[in-house]
Protein backbone atom coordinates (compact mmCIF):
# COMPACT_ATOMS: atom_id res chain seq x y z
CA MET A 1 117.34 85.26 74.19
CA ASN A 2 114.03 83.59 73.34
CA LYS A 3 111.52 85.81 71.55
CA LEU A 4 107.78 85.38 71.23
CA LYS A 5 106.53 85.18 67.66
CA THR A 6 103.73 87.55 66.79
CA LYS A 7 102.96 86.16 63.36
CA GLY A 8 102.07 82.78 61.95
CA ASN A 9 99.41 80.15 62.44
CA ASN A 10 101.10 78.06 65.10
CA PRO A 11 98.49 77.52 67.89
CA GLY A 12 101.21 77.00 70.47
CA HIS A 13 102.78 80.37 69.80
CA ASP A 14 99.37 82.06 69.72
CA GLU A 15 98.54 80.57 73.11
CA GLU A 16 101.86 81.71 74.57
CA LYS A 17 101.34 85.20 73.16
CA ASN A 18 97.81 85.44 74.57
CA THR A 19 98.98 84.19 77.97
CA THR A 20 101.72 86.82 78.09
CA VAL A 21 99.33 89.61 77.09
CA ASN A 22 96.82 88.54 79.75
CA ARG A 23 99.53 88.54 82.42
CA ARG A 24 100.65 92.01 81.41
CA LEU A 25 97.08 93.29 81.49
CA PHE A 26 96.33 92.05 84.99
CA LEU A 27 99.65 93.32 86.33
CA ARG A 28 99.20 96.79 84.82
CA SER A 29 95.57 96.96 85.98
CA ALA A 30 96.70 96.01 89.47
CA GLY A 31 99.20 98.88 89.48
CA LEU A 32 96.54 101.39 88.45
CA ALA A 33 94.18 100.22 91.18
CA THR A 34 96.90 100.60 93.78
CA SER A 35 97.78 104.11 92.62
CA MET A 36 94.16 105.09 93.29
CA GLY A 37 94.81 104.28 96.94
CA THR A 38 96.62 107.61 97.19
CA ILE A 39 93.26 109.35 97.23
CA ILE A 40 92.11 107.19 100.13
CA LEU A 41 95.16 107.77 102.27
CA SER A 42 95.21 111.51 101.65
CA ALA A 43 91.59 111.65 102.77
CA CYS A 44 92.36 110.06 106.14
CA ASN A 45 92.62 112.52 108.99
CA ASP A 46 95.57 112.90 111.33
CA ASP A 47 93.56 113.32 114.51
CA ASP A 48 94.86 110.16 116.16
CA PRO A 49 97.31 110.53 119.02
CA ASP A 50 100.82 111.16 117.74
CA PRO A 51 102.51 107.76 117.37
CA MET A 52 105.98 106.96 118.56
CA ILE A 53 108.44 108.47 116.10
CA PRO A 54 110.79 105.86 114.57
CA GLY A 55 114.14 105.70 116.30
CA THR A 56 117.34 107.13 114.87
CA GLY A 57 119.80 104.73 116.53
CA ASP A 58 121.33 101.54 115.20
CA THR A 59 117.97 99.78 115.36
CA VAL A 60 115.20 100.99 113.07
CA ASP A 61 111.98 101.20 115.08
CA LEU A 62 108.87 100.99 112.90
CA GLY A 63 106.81 102.91 115.44
CA SER A 64 103.41 102.28 116.98
CA GLY A 65 99.73 102.41 116.05
CA ASP A 66 98.69 102.69 112.43
CA ILE A 67 101.90 104.57 111.61
CA GLY A 68 103.85 101.54 112.79
CA VAL A 69 101.82 99.31 110.47
CA LEU A 70 102.39 101.65 107.53
CA ASN A 71 106.13 101.76 108.25
CA TYR A 72 106.08 97.97 108.42
CA ALA A 73 104.55 97.86 104.93
CA TYR A 74 107.02 100.53 103.77
CA ALA A 75 109.96 98.43 104.97
CA LEU A 76 108.75 95.37 103.05
CA GLU A 77 108.06 97.39 99.91
CA GLN A 78 111.58 98.83 100.10
CA LEU A 79 112.96 95.29 100.11
CA GLU A 80 110.83 94.15 97.17
CA ALA A 81 111.52 97.28 95.10
CA ALA A 82 115.27 96.88 95.61
CA PHE A 83 115.12 93.19 94.68
CA TYR A 84 113.25 93.65 91.40
CA THR A 85 115.37 96.69 90.50
CA GLN A 86 118.42 94.43 90.74
CA VAL A 87 116.70 91.66 88.76
CA ILE A 88 116.05 93.99 85.83
CA ALA A 89 119.42 95.73 86.07
CA THR A 90 121.25 92.38 85.84
CA PRO A 91 118.95 89.93 83.99
CA TYR A 92 119.57 86.27 84.70
CA ALA A 93 120.90 84.05 81.93
CA GLY A 94 118.22 83.10 79.41
CA MET A 95 115.61 85.61 80.59
CA THR A 96 112.95 85.74 77.86
CA ASP A 97 111.29 88.89 76.62
CA ALA A 98 108.03 87.76 78.23
CA GLU A 99 109.73 87.18 81.59
CA LYS A 100 111.48 90.54 81.45
CA THR A 101 108.18 92.27 80.72
CA ILE A 102 106.46 90.61 83.68
CA LEU A 103 109.35 91.24 86.09
CA THR A 104 109.62 94.86 84.93
CA ASP A 105 105.92 95.41 85.58
CA ILE A 106 106.30 93.93 89.07
CA ARG A 107 109.34 96.13 89.71
CA ASP A 108 107.36 99.21 88.71
CA HIS A 109 104.48 98.25 91.03
CA GLU A 110 106.83 97.76 93.98
CA ILE A 111 108.49 101.12 93.35
CA ILE A 112 105.05 102.75 93.28
CA HIS A 113 104.17 101.06 96.58
CA ARG A 114 107.49 102.06 98.19
CA ASP A 115 107.30 105.69 97.09
CA PHE A 116 103.63 105.90 98.01
CA PHE A 117 104.28 104.89 101.62
CA LYS A 118 107.31 107.18 101.89
CA THR A 119 105.29 110.17 100.72
CA ALA A 120 102.24 109.32 102.81
CA LEU A 121 104.26 108.86 106.00
CA GLY A 122 106.28 112.03 105.49
CA SER A 123 108.42 112.86 108.52
CA LYS A 124 107.19 109.71 110.30
CA ALA A 125 108.68 107.39 107.68
CA ILE A 126 111.60 105.19 108.64
CA LYS A 127 114.89 105.70 106.84
CA GLY A 128 115.77 103.97 103.60
CA LEU A 129 116.86 100.44 104.47
CA THR A 130 119.96 98.75 103.05
CA PRO A 131 119.16 95.40 101.42
CA ASN A 132 121.44 92.38 101.64
CA PHE A 133 121.04 90.12 98.63
CA SER A 134 124.45 88.47 98.93
CA THR A 135 122.90 85.00 99.16
CA ILE A 136 120.98 85.38 95.88
CA ASP A 137 122.71 84.49 92.61
CA PHE A 138 121.11 86.99 90.22
CA THR A 139 122.68 85.23 87.22
CA LYS A 140 120.52 82.12 87.70
CA ARG A 141 116.82 81.92 86.86
CA ASP A 142 115.97 79.40 89.59
CA ALA A 143 117.66 81.51 92.27
CA VAL A 144 115.94 84.73 91.21
CA LEU A 145 112.46 83.26 90.81
CA GLY A 146 112.86 81.30 94.05
CA ALA A 147 113.69 84.51 95.90
CA ALA A 148 110.83 86.32 94.17
CA LYS A 149 108.44 83.58 95.29
CA LEU A 150 109.67 83.95 98.87
CA PHE A 151 109.31 87.74 98.86
CA GLU A 152 105.86 87.73 97.25
CA ASP A 153 104.41 84.96 99.44
CA THR A 154 105.88 86.70 102.49
CA GLY A 155 104.42 90.03 101.39
CA VAL A 156 100.91 88.62 101.04
CA ALA A 157 101.10 86.88 104.42
CA ALA A 158 102.47 90.09 105.98
CA TYR A 159 99.61 92.29 104.76
CA ASN A 160 97.06 89.68 105.81
CA GLY A 161 98.62 89.42 109.26
CA ALA A 162 98.83 93.18 109.78
CA GLY A 163 95.24 93.85 108.71
CA ARG A 164 93.80 93.11 112.13
CA LEU A 165 96.18 95.66 113.69
CA ILE A 166 94.95 98.58 111.59
CA LYS A 167 92.50 100.89 113.33
CA ASP A 168 91.77 103.42 110.59
CA THR A 169 89.35 101.96 108.03
CA GLY A 170 90.90 104.11 105.30
CA TYR A 171 94.27 102.48 105.90
CA LEU A 172 92.62 99.05 106.01
CA LEU A 173 91.02 99.63 102.62
CA LEU A 174 94.37 100.73 101.25
CA ALA A 175 96.07 97.60 102.61
CA GLY A 176 93.39 95.49 100.95
CA LYS A 177 94.10 97.12 97.59
CA ILE A 178 97.83 96.55 97.87
CA VAL A 179 97.69 92.96 99.15
CA SER A 180 95.55 92.03 96.16
CA VAL A 181 98.33 93.31 93.89
CA GLU A 182 100.95 91.38 95.86
CA ALA A 183 98.84 88.24 95.50
CA ARG A 184 98.79 88.72 91.72
CA HIS A 185 102.56 89.04 91.79
CA ALA A 186 102.84 85.86 93.84
CA ALA A 187 100.60 83.97 91.42
CA VAL A 188 102.45 85.00 88.27
CA ILE A 189 105.86 84.21 89.82
CA ARG A 190 104.62 80.74 90.75
CA ASP A 191 103.35 80.30 87.20
CA LEU A 192 106.75 81.26 85.78
CA ILE A 193 108.36 78.61 87.99
CA ASN A 194 105.79 75.92 87.27
CA PRO A 195 103.72 76.91 84.20
CA LYS A 196 100.11 75.84 83.77
CA SER A 197 99.97 74.10 87.14
CA ALA A 198 97.77 74.61 90.20
CA ASP A 199 100.77 75.95 92.09
CA PHE A 200 99.71 79.57 91.41
CA ALA A 201 97.53 79.05 94.51
CA GLY A 202 99.32 76.13 96.10
CA ASP A 203 98.20 74.50 99.33
CA ASP A 204 101.38 75.78 100.97
CA VAL A 205 99.86 79.28 100.94
CA VAL A 206 96.10 78.70 100.54
CA ASN A 207 94.42 76.38 103.04
CA ALA A 208 91.56 73.93 102.48
CA ASP A 209 89.03 76.65 103.37
CA GLY A 210 90.33 78.87 100.58
CA PHE A 211 92.09 81.36 102.85
CA ASP A 212 95.62 82.67 102.43
CA LYS A 213 98.14 82.75 105.26
CA ALA A 214 98.11 85.61 107.76
CA VAL A 215 101.44 85.97 109.58
CA PRO A 216 102.17 88.47 112.40
CA PRO A 217 104.84 91.17 111.95
CA ALA A 218 107.34 89.60 114.36
CA ASP A 219 107.46 86.38 112.32
CA ILE A 220 107.69 88.23 109.01
CA LEU A 221 110.53 90.45 110.20
CA ALA A 222 112.40 87.36 111.40
CA ALA A 223 111.87 85.70 108.00
CA VAL A 224 113.33 88.62 106.01
CA LYS A 225 116.04 89.56 108.51
CA ALA A 226 118.76 87.96 106.42
CA TYR A 227 117.92 90.22 103.46
CA VAL A 228 118.27 93.54 105.30
CA LYS A 229 121.53 94.89 106.71
CA ASP A 230 119.70 97.14 109.18
CA SER A 231 118.29 95.85 112.45
CA VAL A 232 114.53 96.41 112.38
CA THR A 233 112.11 96.15 115.30
CA GLY A 234 108.36 96.10 115.08
CA ALA A 235 107.70 95.52 118.76
CA ASN A 236 105.15 98.34 118.91
CA VAL A 237 103.47 97.89 115.52
CA GLY A 238 99.72 98.19 115.93
CA LYS A 239 99.88 99.11 119.63
């Protein structure tokens, strides 16, 4: 396993060390900011009409209204938390200490997000979903980082696309805090794949006007369908 040197006068090693420290700082700061969102959500009232309660049949129904949007986010965070938990439990061949630190920080953020939504939703939360990562070779760096890139880019596009469906401004503020964290994840994963390039904000996700993609729930659920064993419907999300 490659290890970063912390001593010596080699500029290259110093630069790598500083880069790693900076990445860790922005990831940990992002997690703290997201945790503060708990205060916002707890302050939101529950005076809205009772949303459709998620179904208990073979198909998992995310529900309607803002609760449907929150369950939608909860479903995606479940997927990401499960993925990074597996990544750290079975590190790919050649994973460096720096990479493990970054991926562990991301895992911890996703677990915070997942548990936050579960607690906030209470009895209106959907069940725990069963992931299907059978197509991902967790022993290979390219496969793991490629999947991470897909999940993070999809997560950012999902939050952006769901923002317009949120009616409660408290929930909207919360979503904005979390999507900013997901965007940081997406950027650092892209940098791990292609270091020191402009791909951290590539034109495949950021358009010429400087805006990131915003994808509706139906398209996102179709994109991640292969990675979840449960059948999930978001037909009423935001309605």
